[in-house]
Amino acid sequence: MDELIRYKDVTIHQADQIVLHDVNLTVERGQMIYLLGKVGSGKSSLMKTMYGALPIQVGEARVLDYDMMHIRRRQLPYLRRRLGIIFQDYKLLTDRSVKENLLFVLRATGWKDKALMEQHVREVLEQVGMETKAYKKPYELSGGEQQRVVIARALMNSPEIILADEPTGNLDAETGQEIMELLYSICQAGITVLMSTHNRLWPELYPGKKWIFDRGEIKDGD
């Protein structure tokens, strides 16, 4: 399998505080990986280092061939185009329709052909089961529907890795399971998924590798 991420002897800081130390991990193409641990245990901080929102100052870290210790600001947009990022609180543009939210991503990443853009939006919305909601505003959608749009946004540039930060945290059990089925199907299609969660049922229902975050360390939970 292709190795997409490798961290060796990494220490992760938030301000002056060490959040995680001695981080050693690898991520391969097509893996489903669960980040399990209490609030404040470093799950979100680890993900932030993977898309360059939190710098790494100690150790060696590579994400999709980028050296995260020495990555330049101008390189970050190119890295992030190869990642899909799913936030717990959606971060959708509330004054625009579902379709416009997705077209915004394509314009921002250099797409020009309007017909191709429209076609791609239709295809991705169909993939996440939202093809009939393209003209709805986010506030007209349920929480589960908004999360499907967020997943669609993450898929717009055919990412190699999806980073999902508590994607079912604000959803009821039934809706959460629907979102899990969608994410798992995306992983089964070959996209690597790293997902932080408090729900220890998900790894049982949708098998994957488990990383346990505990007292500043990441331990293998398998």
N, C-alpha and C. Protein backbone atom coordinates (compact mmCIF):
# COMPACT_ATOMS: atom_id res chain seq x y z
N MET A 1 0.84 -1.20 0.00
CA MET A 1 0.00 0.00 0.00
C MET A 1 0.87 1.26 0.00
N ASP A 2 0.36 2.34 -0.58
CA ASP A 2 1.09 3.60 -0.61
C ASP A 2 1.06 4.26 0.76
N GLU A 3 2.18 4.76 1.20
CA GLU A 3 2.25 5.51 2.46
C GLU A 3 1.96 6.97 2.18
N LEU A 4 0.94 7.51 2.83
CA LEU A 4 0.53 8.89 2.59
C LEU A 4 1.01 9.84 3.68
N ILE A 5 1.12 9.35 4.91
CA ILE A 5 1.54 10.18 6.04
C ILE A 5 2.54 9.39 6.88
N ARG A 6 3.60 10.08 7.31
CA ARG A 6 4.54 9.48 8.27
C ARG A 6 4.99 10.54 9.25
N TYR A 7 4.82 10.25 10.55
CA TYR A 7 5.33 11.09 11.62
C TYR A 7 6.35 10.28 12.41
N LYS A 8 7.50 10.91 12.71
CA LYS A 8 8.54 10.24 13.48
C LYS A 8 9.02 11.17 14.60
N ASP A 9 8.86 10.73 15.84
CA ASP A 9 9.34 11.46 17.03
C ASP A 9 8.85 12.91 17.04
N VAL A 10 7.56 13.09 16.72
CA VAL A 10 6.98 14.44 16.63
C VAL A 10 6.44 14.88 17.99
N THR A 11 6.68 16.14 18.33
CA THR A 11 6.05 16.78 19.48
C THR A 11 5.13 17.88 18.96
N ILE A 12 3.91 17.92 19.48
CA ILE A 12 2.92 18.90 19.02
C ILE A 12 2.58 19.86 20.16
N HIS A 13 2.73 21.16 19.87
CA HIS A 13 2.47 22.21 20.86
C HIS A 13 1.21 22.99 20.49
N GLN A 14 0.50 23.46 21.52
CA GLN A 14 -0.51 24.51 21.38
C GLN A 14 -0.03 25.64 22.28
N ALA A 15 0.32 26.78 21.67
CA ALA A 15 0.98 27.87 22.40
C ALA A 15 2.24 27.30 23.06
N ASP A 16 2.38 27.42 24.36
CA ASP A 16 3.59 26.92 25.03
C ASP A 16 3.40 25.54 25.64
N GLN A 17 2.23 24.97 25.44
CA GLN A 17 1.91 23.69 26.08
C GLN A 17 2.14 22.52 25.13
N ILE A 18 2.80 21.46 25.62
CA ILE A 18 2.94 20.24 24.83
C ILE A 18 1.64 19.45 24.90
N VAL A 19 1.03 19.22 23.74
CA VAL A 19 -0.24 18.48 23.67
C VAL A 19 0.03 17.00 23.45
N LEU A 20 0.96 16.69 22.54
CA LEU A 20 1.32 15.31 22.23
C LEU A 20 2.84 15.21 22.10
N HIS A 21 3.39 14.11 22.57
CA HIS A 21 4.83 13.92 22.43
C HIS A 21 5.11 12.50 21.93
N ASP A 22 6.28 12.32 21.36
CA ASP A 22 6.71 11.01 20.84
C ASP A 22 5.68 10.42 19.89
N VAL A 23 5.19 11.25 18.96
CA VAL A 23 4.20 10.77 17.99
C VAL A 23 4.92 10.05 16.85
N ASN A 24 4.63 8.76 16.71
CA ASN A 24 5.17 7.95 15.62
C ASN A 24 4.01 7.21 14.96
N LEU A 25 3.75 7.54 13.70
CA LEU A 25 2.61 6.92 13.03
C LEU A 25 2.81 6.92 11.52
N THR A 26 2.11 6.01 10.88
CA THR A 26 2.06 5.99 9.41
C THR A 26 0.60 5.78 8.99
N VAL A 27 0.27 6.34 7.85
CA VAL A 27 -1.07 6.20 7.27
C VAL A 27 -0.90 5.75 5.83
N GLU A 28 -1.63 4.71 5.45
CA GLU A 28 -1.53 4.17 4.10
C GLU A 28 -2.83 4.40 3.33
N ARG A 29 -2.72 4.36 2.02
CA ARG A 29 -3.87 4.61 1.16
C ARG A 29 -5.00 3.61 1.44
N GLY A 30 -6.21 4.15 1.55
CA GLY A 30 -7.39 3.31 1.71
C GLY A 30 -7.70 2.90 3.13
N GLN A 31 -6.91 3.38 4.11
CA GLN A 31 -7.17 3.01 5.50
C GLN A 31 -8.32 3.82 6.09
N MET A 32 -9.04 3.20 7.03
CA MET A 32 -10.01 3.88 7.89
C MET A 32 -9.37 3.93 9.28
N ILE A 33 -9.14 5.14 9.80
CA ILE A 33 -8.45 5.27 11.08
C ILE A 33 -9.30 6.13 12.01
N TYR A 34 -9.54 5.59 13.21
CA TYR A 34 -10.31 6.29 14.23
C TYR A 34 -9.37 6.91 15.27
N LEU A 35 -9.59 8.19 15.58
CA LEU A 35 -8.86 8.87 16.63
C LEU A 35 -9.77 8.93 17.84
N LEU A 36 -9.42 8.19 18.90
CA LEU A 36 -10.29 8.02 20.06
C LEU A 36 -9.63 8.63 21.30
N GLY A 37 -10.39 9.40 22.07
CA GLY A 37 -9.85 10.00 23.29
C GLY A 37 -10.76 11.09 23.81
N LYS A 38 -10.47 11.55 25.02
CA LYS A 38 -11.27 12.58 25.67
C LYS A 38 -11.11 13.92 24.95
N VAL A 39 -12.03 14.84 25.23
CA VAL A 39 -11.88 16.23 24.77
C VAL A 39 -10.57 16.78 25.32
N GLY A 40 -9.79 17.43 24.45
CA GLY A 40 -8.53 18.01 24.88
C GLY A 40 -7.36 17.05 24.86
N SER A 41 -7.56 15.85 24.32
CA SER A 41 -6.48 14.85 24.32
C SER A 41 -5.55 14.98 23.12
N GLY A 42 -5.86 15.90 22.20
CA GLY A 42 -4.94 16.16 21.09
C GLY A 42 -5.39 15.70 19.72
N LYS A 43 -6.61 15.17 19.61
CA LYS A 43 -7.08 14.65 18.33
C LYS A 43 -7.15 15.76 17.27
N SER A 44 -7.81 16.86 17.62
CA SER A 44 -7.93 17.97 16.66
C SER A 44 -6.57 18.60 16.38
N SER A 45 -5.72 18.69 17.40
CA SER A 45 -4.38 19.27 17.20
C SER A 45 -3.59 18.45 16.19
N LEU A 46 -3.66 17.12 16.29
CA LEU A 46 -2.95 16.27 15.33
C LEU A 46 -3.45 16.55 13.92
N MET A 47 -4.78 16.60 13.74
CA MET A 47 -5.33 16.86 12.40
C MET A 47 -4.88 18.22 11.88
N LYS A 48 -4.84 19.23 12.75
CA LYS A 48 -4.43 20.56 12.32
C LYS A 48 -3.00 20.55 11.79
N THR A 49 -2.12 19.72 12.39
CA THR A 49 -0.75 19.65 11.87
C THR A 49 -0.73 19.02 10.48
N MET A 50 -1.72 18.18 10.19
CA MET A 50 -1.73 17.46 8.91
C MET A 50 -2.14 18.36 7.75
N TYR A 51 -2.91 19.44 8.04
CA TYR A 51 -3.23 20.37 6.95
C TYR A 51 -2.56 21.73 7.14
N GLY A 52 -1.60 21.77 8.04
CA GLY A 52 -0.74 22.94 8.13
C GLY A 52 -1.31 24.11 8.91
N ALA A 53 -2.38 23.87 9.69
CA ALA A 53 -2.94 24.95 10.52
C ALA A 53 -2.18 25.10 11.83
N LEU A 54 -1.43 24.07 12.20
CA LEU A 54 -0.63 24.08 13.42
C LEU A 54 0.77 23.59 13.05
N PRO A 55 1.79 24.44 13.21
CA PRO A 55 3.12 24.05 12.77
C PRO A 55 3.74 22.97 13.66
N ILE A 56 4.60 22.16 13.04
CA ILE A 56 5.38 21.15 13.76
C ILE A 56 6.80 21.69 13.92
N GLN A 57 7.29 21.67 15.15
CA GLN A 57 8.61 22.23 15.43
C GLN A 57 9.63 21.19 15.85
N VAL A 58 9.15 19.99 16.24
CA VAL A 58 10.05 18.93 16.71
C VAL A 58 9.68 17.62 16.02
N GLY A 59 10.70 16.95 15.43
CA GLY A 59 10.48 15.65 14.81
C GLY A 59 10.48 15.71 13.30
N GLU A 60 10.02 14.64 12.67
CA GLU A 60 9.91 14.55 11.21
C GLU A 60 8.46 14.22 10.86
N ALA A 61 7.92 14.94 9.88
CA ALA A 61 6.53 14.72 9.49
C ALA A 61 6.37 14.96 7.99
N ARG A 62 5.79 13.98 7.31
CA ARG A 62 5.50 14.13 5.89
C ARG A 62 4.03 13.81 5.65
N VAL A 63 3.37 14.67 4.90
CA VAL A 63 1.97 14.47 4.50
C VAL A 63 1.91 14.63 2.99
N LEU A 64 1.59 13.56 2.29
CA LEU A 64 1.47 13.60 0.82
C LEU A 64 2.71 14.24 0.17
N ASP A 65 3.86 13.79 0.58
CA ASP A 65 5.15 14.23 0.03
C ASP A 65 5.56 15.64 0.45
N TYR A 66 4.80 16.28 1.32
CA TYR A 66 5.20 17.59 1.83
C TYR A 66 5.89 17.40 3.18
N ASP A 67 7.00 18.08 3.35
CA ASP A 67 7.73 18.09 4.61
C ASP A 67 7.06 19.13 5.51
N MET A 68 6.31 18.67 6.51
CA MET A 68 5.51 19.59 7.32
C MET A 68 6.35 20.41 8.29
N MET A 69 7.60 20.03 8.49
CA MET A 69 8.51 20.85 9.32
C MET A 69 8.95 22.11 8.57
N HIS A 70 9.01 22.00 7.25
CA HIS A 70 9.58 23.10 6.46
C HIS A 70 8.65 23.58 5.35
N ILE A 71 7.36 23.22 5.42
CA ILE A 71 6.43 23.61 4.37
C ILE A 71 6.27 25.14 4.35
N ARG A 72 6.23 25.71 3.16
CA ARG A 72 6.10 27.15 3.01
C ARG A 72 4.62 27.52 2.89
N ARG A 73 4.32 28.73 3.30
CA ARG A 73 2.93 29.19 3.27
C ARG A 73 2.31 29.05 1.88
N ARG A 74 3.09 29.34 0.84
CA ARG A 74 2.55 29.26 -0.53
C ARG A 74 2.28 27.84 -0.98
N GLN A 75 2.85 26.85 -0.27
CA GLN A 75 2.60 25.46 -0.61
C GLN A 75 1.31 24.91 0.01
N LEU A 76 0.83 25.58 1.06
CA LEU A 76 -0.32 25.05 1.80
C LEU A 76 -1.57 24.86 0.93
N PRO A 77 -1.92 25.81 0.05
CA PRO A 77 -3.11 25.59 -0.77
C PRO A 77 -3.01 24.32 -1.64
N TYR A 78 -1.81 24.00 -2.10
CA TYR A 78 -1.63 22.82 -2.95
C TYR A 78 -1.78 21.54 -2.12
N LEU A 79 -1.26 21.57 -0.89
CA LEU A 79 -1.47 20.43 0.01
C LEU A 79 -2.96 20.25 0.29
N ARG A 80 -3.64 21.35 0.63
CA ARG A 80 -5.04 21.26 1.07
C ARG A 80 -5.97 20.86 -0.06
N ARG A 81 -5.58 21.08 -1.31
CA ARG A 81 -6.40 20.59 -2.43
C ARG A 81 -6.43 19.07 -2.50
N ARG A 82 -5.42 18.43 -1.89
CA ARG A 82 -5.36 16.96 -1.91
C ARG A 82 -5.96 16.36 -0.65
N LEU A 83 -6.49 17.23 0.21
CA LEU A 83 -7.14 16.79 1.45
C LEU A 83 -8.60 17.24 1.43
N GLY A 84 -9.46 16.44 2.06
CA GLY A 84 -10.83 16.87 2.32
C GLY A 84 -10.98 17.04 3.82
N ILE A 85 -11.44 18.22 4.26
CA ILE A 85 -11.52 18.49 5.69
C ILE A 85 -12.98 18.66 6.08
N ILE A 86 -13.42 17.88 7.07
CA ILE A 86 -14.80 17.91 7.54
C ILE A 86 -14.80 18.38 8.99
N PHE A 87 -15.46 19.53 9.22
CA PHE A 87 -15.52 20.10 10.56
C PHE A 87 -16.83 19.72 11.24
N GLN A 88 -16.80 19.64 12.57
CA GLN A 88 -17.99 19.29 13.33
C GLN A 88 -19.08 20.35 13.16
N ASP A 89 -18.66 21.63 13.08
CA ASP A 89 -19.65 22.72 13.03
C ASP A 89 -19.90 23.21 11.59
N TYR A 90 -19.66 22.35 10.62
CA TYR A 90 -20.03 22.53 9.21
C TYR A 90 -19.25 23.63 8.47
N LYS A 91 -19.25 24.88 8.97
CA LYS A 91 -18.54 26.00 8.32
C LYS A 91 -19.01 26.21 6.88
N LEU A 92 -20.31 26.04 6.64
CA LEU A 92 -20.88 26.34 5.33
C LEU A 92 -21.16 27.84 5.22
N LEU A 93 -21.18 28.35 3.98
CA LEU A 93 -21.52 29.75 3.73
C LEU A 93 -23.04 29.87 3.79
N THR A 94 -23.55 30.50 4.85
CA THR A 94 -25.00 30.44 5.13
C THR A 94 -25.83 31.28 4.17
N ASP A 95 -25.20 32.23 3.48
CA ASP A 95 -25.96 33.10 2.57
C ASP A 95 -26.01 32.55 1.14
N ARG A 96 -25.48 31.35 0.94
CA ARG A 96 -25.43 30.77 -0.41
C ARG A 96 -26.07 29.39 -0.41
N SER A 97 -26.55 28.99 -1.56
CA SER A 97 -27.18 27.68 -1.69
C SER A 97 -26.12 26.58 -1.60
N VAL A 98 -26.61 25.35 -1.45
CA VAL A 98 -25.72 24.19 -1.45
C VAL A 98 -24.85 24.20 -2.70
N LYS A 99 -25.48 24.39 -3.83
CA LYS A 99 -24.73 24.40 -5.10
C LYS A 99 -23.67 25.49 -5.10
N GLU A 100 -24.01 26.69 -4.63
CA GLU A 100 -23.04 27.80 -4.62
C GLU A 100 -21.91 27.54 -3.64
N ASN A 101 -22.19 26.87 -2.52
CA ASN A 101 -21.12 26.49 -1.61
C ASN A 101 -20.09 25.61 -2.30
N LEU A 102 -20.57 24.68 -3.13
CA LEU A 102 -19.66 23.75 -3.80
C LEU A 102 -18.95 24.41 -4.97
N LEU A 103 -19.66 25.25 -5.72
CA LEU A 103 -19.01 25.97 -6.82
C LEU A 103 -17.92 26.91 -6.29
N PHE A 104 -18.14 27.48 -5.10
CA PHE A 104 -17.15 28.36 -4.49
C PHE A 104 -15.82 27.63 -4.31
N VAL A 105 -15.89 26.36 -3.87
CA VAL A 105 -14.67 25.55 -3.69
C VAL A 105 -13.96 25.37 -5.02
N LEU A 106 -14.71 25.07 -6.07
CA LEU A 106 -14.10 24.83 -7.37
C LEU A 106 -13.45 26.10 -7.91
N ARG A 107 -14.13 27.24 -7.79
CA ARG A 107 -13.54 28.50 -8.26
C ARG A 107 -12.26 28.81 -7.48
N ALA A 108 -12.30 28.57 -6.17
CA ALA A 108 -11.14 28.88 -5.33
C ALA A 108 -9.94 28.01 -5.64
N THR A 109 -10.18 26.86 -6.25
CA THR A 109 -9.07 25.95 -6.55
C THR A 109 -8.76 25.89 -8.05
N GLY A 110 -9.25 26.91 -8.79
CA GLY A 110 -8.76 27.09 -10.15
C GLY A 110 -9.59 26.51 -11.27
N TRP A 111 -10.78 25.97 -10.97
CA TRP A 111 -11.64 25.47 -12.05
C TRP A 111 -12.18 26.67 -12.84
N LYS A 112 -12.30 26.50 -14.17
CA LYS A 112 -12.74 27.60 -15.03
C LYS A 112 -13.97 27.24 -15.87
N ASP A 113 -14.05 25.99 -16.33
CA ASP A 113 -15.09 25.57 -17.26
C ASP A 113 -16.43 25.44 -16.52
N LYS A 114 -17.38 26.32 -16.81
CA LYS A 114 -18.64 26.35 -16.06
C LYS A 114 -19.45 25.08 -16.23
N ALA A 115 -19.47 24.55 -17.44
CA ALA A 115 -20.25 23.33 -17.70
C ALA A 115 -19.68 22.15 -16.92
N LEU A 116 -18.35 22.04 -16.91
CA LEU A 116 -17.70 20.96 -16.15
C LEU A 116 -17.93 21.13 -14.65
N MET A 117 -17.90 22.37 -14.20
CA MET A 117 -18.13 22.63 -12.78
C MET A 117 -19.54 22.23 -12.37
N GLU A 118 -20.52 22.61 -13.18
CA GLU A 118 -21.92 22.25 -12.89
C GLU A 118 -22.09 20.74 -12.87
N GLN A 119 -21.50 20.07 -13.83
CA GLN A 119 -21.60 18.61 -13.91
C GLN A 119 -20.97 17.95 -12.68
N HIS A 120 -19.80 18.45 -12.28
CA HIS A 120 -19.10 17.86 -11.14
C HIS A 120 -19.91 18.05 -9.85
N VAL A 121 -20.50 19.22 -9.68
CA VAL A 121 -21.34 19.46 -8.50
C VAL A 121 -22.51 18.48 -8.47
N ARG A 122 -23.16 18.28 -9.62
CA ARG A 122 -24.29 17.34 -9.68
C ARG A 122 -23.84 15.94 -9.30
N GLU A 123 -22.70 15.51 -9.82
CA GLU A 123 -22.21 14.15 -9.56
C GLU A 123 -21.88 13.94 -8.08
N VAL A 124 -21.23 14.94 -7.47
CA VAL A 124 -20.85 14.79 -6.06
C VAL A 124 -22.08 14.86 -5.16
N LEU A 125 -23.03 15.73 -5.47
CA LEU A 125 -24.27 15.77 -4.67
C LEU A 125 -25.02 14.45 -4.76
N GLU A 126 -25.01 13.85 -5.94
CA GLU A 126 -25.65 12.54 -6.08
C GLU A 126 -24.92 11.49 -5.25
N GLN A 127 -23.60 11.58 -5.21
CA GLN A 127 -22.79 10.63 -4.44
C GLN A 127 -23.16 10.65 -2.95
N VAL A 128 -23.50 11.84 -2.43
CA VAL A 128 -23.81 11.95 -1.00
C VAL A 128 -25.32 12.00 -0.74
N GLY A 129 -26.12 11.74 -1.76
CA GLY A 129 -27.57 11.68 -1.58
C GLY A 129 -28.25 13.02 -1.40
N MET A 130 -27.68 14.08 -1.98
CA MET A 130 -28.24 15.43 -1.80
C MET A 130 -28.58 16.09 -3.13
N GLU A 131 -28.78 15.28 -4.17
CA GLU A 131 -28.99 15.85 -5.50
C GLU A 131 -30.26 16.69 -5.61
N THR A 132 -31.24 16.47 -4.73
CA THR A 132 -32.49 17.24 -4.81
C THR A 132 -32.45 18.51 -3.96
N LYS A 133 -31.33 18.76 -3.28
CA LYS A 133 -31.27 19.90 -2.35
C LYS A 133 -30.28 20.98 -2.80
N ALA A 134 -29.92 20.99 -4.08
CA ALA A 134 -28.87 21.88 -4.56
C ALA A 134 -29.19 23.36 -4.34
N TYR A 135 -30.48 23.72 -4.39
CA TYR A 135 -30.84 25.14 -4.31
C TYR A 135 -31.29 25.56 -2.91
N LYS A 136 -31.17 24.67 -1.95
CA LYS A 136 -31.51 25.00 -0.57
C LYS A 136 -30.35 25.77 0.08
N LYS A 137 -30.68 26.65 1.01
CA LYS A 137 -29.68 27.30 1.85
C LYS A 137 -29.38 26.37 3.03
N PRO A 138 -28.18 26.47 3.61
CA PRO A 138 -27.84 25.58 4.73
C PRO A 138 -28.85 25.59 5.87
N TYR A 139 -29.43 26.79 6.19
CA TYR A 139 -30.36 26.86 7.31
C TYR A 139 -31.69 26.16 7.02
N GLU A 140 -31.92 25.79 5.75
CA GLU A 140 -33.14 25.06 5.38
C GLU A 140 -32.95 23.55 5.48
N LEU A 141 -31.75 23.11 5.87
CA LEU A 141 -31.41 21.69 5.91
C LEU A 141 -31.31 21.21 7.35
N SER A 142 -31.54 19.91 7.55
CA SER A 142 -31.31 19.30 8.85
C SER A 142 -29.81 19.18 9.11
N GLY A 143 -29.44 18.85 10.36
CA GLY A 143 -28.03 18.67 10.68
C GLY A 143 -27.38 17.59 9.84
N GLY A 144 -28.07 16.48 9.63
CA GLY A 144 -27.54 15.39 8.82
C GLY A 144 -27.35 15.80 7.37
N GLU A 145 -28.31 16.58 6.86
CA GLU A 145 -28.19 17.05 5.47
C GLU A 145 -27.04 18.03 5.33
N GLN A 146 -26.86 18.91 6.32
CA GLN A 146 -25.73 19.84 6.26
C GLN A 146 -24.41 19.07 6.29
N GLN A 147 -24.33 18.01 7.10
CA GLN A 147 -23.09 17.25 7.15
C GLN A 147 -22.84 16.54 5.82
N ARG A 148 -23.87 16.11 5.14
CA ARG A 148 -23.70 15.52 3.81
C ARG A 148 -23.13 16.55 2.83
N VAL A 149 -23.59 17.78 2.94
CA VAL A 149 -23.06 18.85 2.09
C VAL A 149 -21.58 19.10 2.42
N VAL A 150 -21.25 19.06 3.71
CA VAL A 150 -19.85 19.24 4.12
C VAL A 150 -18.98 18.12 3.53
N ILE A 151 -19.51 16.90 3.53
CA ILE A 151 -18.77 15.77 2.93
C ILE A 151 -18.63 15.99 1.43
N ALA A 152 -19.70 16.47 0.80
CA ALA A 152 -19.62 16.78 -0.64
C ALA A 152 -18.54 17.81 -0.90
N ARG A 153 -18.50 18.86 -0.07
CA ARG A 153 -17.46 19.90 -0.22
C ARG A 153 -16.07 19.29 -0.09
N ALA A 154 -15.92 18.36 0.85
CA ALA A 154 -14.61 17.72 1.05
C ALA A 154 -14.20 16.86 -0.14
N LEU A 155 -15.19 16.40 -0.90
CA LEU A 155 -14.91 15.52 -2.04
C LEU A 155 -14.68 16.27 -3.35
N MET A 156 -14.88 17.58 -3.36
CA MET A 156 -14.93 18.33 -4.62
C MET A 156 -13.66 18.20 -5.45
N ASN A 157 -12.50 18.13 -4.81
CA ASN A 157 -11.25 18.05 -5.57
C ASN A 157 -10.62 16.66 -5.52
N SER A 158 -11.48 15.63 -5.38
CA SER A 158 -11.03 14.23 -5.40
C SER A 158 -9.83 14.02 -4.47
N PRO A 159 -10.02 14.22 -3.14
CA PRO A 159 -8.90 14.16 -2.21
C PRO A 159 -8.36 12.75 -2.05
N GLU A 160 -7.11 12.68 -1.63
CA GLU A 160 -6.50 11.38 -1.30
C GLU A 160 -6.76 11.01 0.16
N ILE A 161 -6.97 12.03 1.00
CA ILE A 161 -7.22 11.82 2.43
C ILE A 161 -8.37 12.71 2.85
N ILE A 162 -9.28 12.16 3.68
CA ILE A 162 -10.30 12.97 4.34
C ILE A 162 -9.99 13.00 5.82
N LEU A 163 -9.96 14.22 6.39
CA LEU A 163 -9.79 14.43 7.82
C LEU A 163 -11.14 14.88 8.37
N ALA A 164 -11.76 14.05 9.20
CA ALA A 164 -13.10 14.31 9.70
C ALA A 164 -13.06 14.49 11.21
N ASP A 165 -13.33 15.70 11.68
CA ASP A 165 -13.23 16.03 13.11
C ASP A 165 -14.62 15.93 13.73
N GLU A 166 -14.89 14.84 14.45
CA GLU A 166 -16.18 14.60 15.11
C GLU A 166 -17.36 14.81 14.14
N PRO A 167 -17.38 14.14 13.00
CA PRO A 167 -18.44 14.41 12.01
C PRO A 167 -19.83 13.99 12.45
N THR A 168 -19.94 13.12 13.46
CA THR A 168 -21.26 12.70 13.94
C THR A 168 -21.57 13.27 15.32
N GLY A 169 -20.69 14.14 15.83
CA GLY A 169 -20.81 14.61 17.21
C GLY A 169 -22.08 15.37 17.51
N ASN A 170 -22.62 16.10 16.53
CA ASN A 170 -23.82 16.91 16.76
C ASN A 170 -25.10 16.26 16.24
N LEU A 171 -25.02 14.98 15.88
CA LEU A 171 -26.15 14.31 15.23
C LEU A 171 -26.77 13.26 16.13
N ASP A 172 -28.05 12.99 15.92
CA ASP A 172 -28.68 11.90 16.67
C ASP A 172 -28.14 10.56 16.15
N ALA A 173 -28.44 9.49 16.88
CA ALA A 173 -27.82 8.19 16.60
C ALA A 173 -28.11 7.69 15.19
N GLU A 174 -29.36 7.82 14.77
CA GLU A 174 -29.74 7.30 13.44
C GLU A 174 -29.05 8.10 12.33
N THR A 175 -29.07 9.43 12.45
CA THR A 175 -28.43 10.27 11.43
C THR A 175 -26.93 10.06 11.44
N GLY A 176 -26.36 9.93 12.65
CA GLY A 176 -24.93 9.67 12.76
C GLY A 176 -24.53 8.39 12.04
N GLN A 177 -25.36 7.37 12.16
CA GLN A 177 -25.04 6.11 11.49
C GLN A 177 -25.11 6.26 9.96
N GLU A 178 -26.05 7.05 9.48
CA GLU A 178 -26.13 7.30 8.03
C GLU A 178 -24.85 8.00 7.53
N ILE A 179 -24.36 8.95 8.31
CA ILE A 179 -23.13 9.66 7.94
C ILE A 179 -21.94 8.69 7.98
N MET A 180 -21.92 7.81 8.98
CA MET A 180 -20.84 6.82 9.06
C MET A 180 -20.85 5.88 7.86
N GLU A 181 -22.04 5.46 7.45
CA GLU A 181 -22.13 4.58 6.28
C GLU A 181 -21.59 5.28 5.04
N LEU A 182 -21.86 6.57 4.93
CA LEU A 182 -21.37 7.34 3.78
C LEU A 182 -19.85 7.44 3.82
N LEU A 183 -19.30 7.79 4.99
CA LEU A 183 -17.85 7.91 5.10
C LEU A 183 -17.16 6.56 4.86
N TYR A 184 -17.77 5.50 5.36
CA TYR A 184 -17.17 4.18 5.19
C TYR A 184 -17.18 3.77 3.72
N SER A 185 -18.25 4.11 3.02
CA SER A 185 -18.31 3.78 1.59
C SER A 185 -17.26 4.57 0.81
N ILE A 186 -16.99 5.81 1.22
CA ILE A 186 -15.95 6.62 0.60
C ILE A 186 -14.59 5.95 0.82
N CYS A 187 -14.36 5.46 2.03
CA CYS A 187 -13.11 4.76 2.33
C CYS A 187 -12.98 3.48 1.50
N GLN A 188 -14.09 2.75 1.38
CA GLN A 188 -14.08 1.50 0.61
C GLN A 188 -13.75 1.76 -0.86
N ALA A 189 -14.02 2.99 -1.31
CA ALA A 189 -13.71 3.35 -2.70
C ALA A 189 -12.24 3.74 -2.87
N GLY A 190 -11.47 3.75 -1.75
CA GLY A 190 -10.03 3.96 -1.88
C GLY A 190 -9.48 5.23 -1.28
N ILE A 191 -10.37 6.07 -0.70
CA ILE A 191 -9.90 7.31 -0.08
C ILE A 191 -9.62 7.04 1.39
N THR A 192 -8.46 7.45 1.87
CA THR A 192 -8.10 7.30 3.28
C THR A 192 -8.97 8.23 4.12
N VAL A 193 -9.50 7.71 5.23
CA VAL A 193 -10.32 8.52 6.14
C VAL A 193 -9.73 8.46 7.53
N LEU A 194 -9.39 9.64 8.09
CA LEU A 194 -9.01 9.78 9.49
C LEU A 194 -10.14 10.51 10.19
N MET A 195 -10.70 9.89 11.23
CA MET A 195 -11.89 10.44 11.86
C MET A 195 -11.75 10.45 13.37
N SER A 196 -11.89 11.62 13.98
CA SER A 196 -11.91 11.69 15.44
C SER A 196 -13.35 11.48 15.91
N THR A 197 -13.51 10.77 17.01
CA THR A 197 -14.85 10.48 17.52
C THR A 197 -14.79 10.09 18.99
N HIS A 198 -15.90 10.34 19.69
CA HIS A 198 -16.06 9.82 21.05
C HIS A 198 -16.87 8.53 21.04
N ASN A 199 -17.44 8.20 19.88
CA ASN A 199 -18.35 7.05 19.79
C ASN A 199 -17.56 5.77 19.52
N ARG A 200 -17.39 4.96 20.53
CA ARG A 200 -16.60 3.74 20.38
C ARG A 200 -17.37 2.62 19.70
N LEU A 201 -18.63 2.88 19.37
CA LEU A 201 -19.42 1.90 18.61
C LEU A 201 -19.00 1.88 17.13
N TRP A 202 -18.60 3.06 16.61
CA TRP A 202 -18.31 3.13 15.18
C TRP A 202 -17.22 2.16 14.73
N PRO A 203 -16.09 2.03 15.46
CA PRO A 203 -15.07 1.07 15.00
C PRO A 203 -15.55 -0.38 15.03
N GLU A 204 -16.56 -0.66 15.84
CA GLU A 204 -17.09 -2.02 15.87
C GLU A 204 -17.98 -2.26 14.65
N LEU A 205 -18.78 -1.25 14.30
CA LEU A 205 -19.71 -1.39 13.17
C LEU A 205 -19.01 -1.22 11.82
N TYR A 206 -18.00 -0.34 11.80
CA TYR A 206 -17.30 -0.01 10.55
C TYR A 206 -15.81 -0.18 10.82
N PRO A 207 -15.28 -1.39 10.68
CA PRO A 207 -13.93 -1.71 11.16
C PRO A 207 -12.84 -0.83 10.56
N GLY A 208 -11.87 -0.50 11.41
CA GLY A 208 -10.73 0.28 10.98
C GLY A 208 -9.66 0.25 12.06
N LYS A 209 -8.59 0.95 11.81
CA LYS A 209 -7.49 1.05 12.77
C LYS A 209 -7.86 2.07 13.85
N LYS A 210 -7.43 1.81 15.09
CA LYS A 210 -7.76 2.72 16.20
C LYS A 210 -6.48 3.31 16.80
N TRP A 211 -6.48 4.64 16.95
CA TRP A 211 -5.43 5.32 17.69
C TRP A 211 -6.05 5.85 18.97
N ILE A 212 -5.49 5.51 20.13
CA ILE A 212 -6.00 5.95 21.42
C ILE A 212 -5.15 7.13 21.91
N PHE A 213 -5.79 8.26 22.18
CA PHE A 213 -5.11 9.46 22.68
C PHE A 213 -5.26 9.49 24.20
N ASP A 214 -4.13 9.40 24.91
CA ASP A 214 -4.19 9.30 26.36
C ASP A 214 -2.93 9.89 26.98
N ARG A 215 -3.09 10.91 27.81
CA ARG A 215 -1.99 11.50 28.58
C ARG A 215 -0.83 11.94 27.69
N GLY A 216 -1.18 12.59 26.60
CA GLY A 216 -0.15 13.15 25.73
C GLY A 216 0.49 12.18 24.77
N GLU A 217 -0.02 10.95 24.72
CA GLU A 217 0.54 9.94 23.83
C GLU A 217 -0.54 9.38 22.92
N ILE A 218 -0.10 8.83 21.79
CA ILE A 218 -1.00 8.11 20.90
C ILE A 218 -0.61 6.64 20.92
N LYS A 219 -1.55 5.80 21.30
CA LYS A 219 -1.28 4.38 21.40
C LYS A 219 -2.10 3.61 20.37
N ASP A 220 -1.55 2.52 19.90
CA ASP A 220 -2.26 1.67 18.95
C ASP A 220 -3.36 0.93 19.70
N GLY A 221 -4.61 1.10 19.24
CA GLY A 221 -5.74 0.48 19.93
C GLY A 221 -6.15 -0.86 19.36
N ASP A 222 -5.42 -1.39 18.39
CA ASP A 222 -5.80 -2.66 17.77
C ASP A 222 -5.22 -3.85 18.52
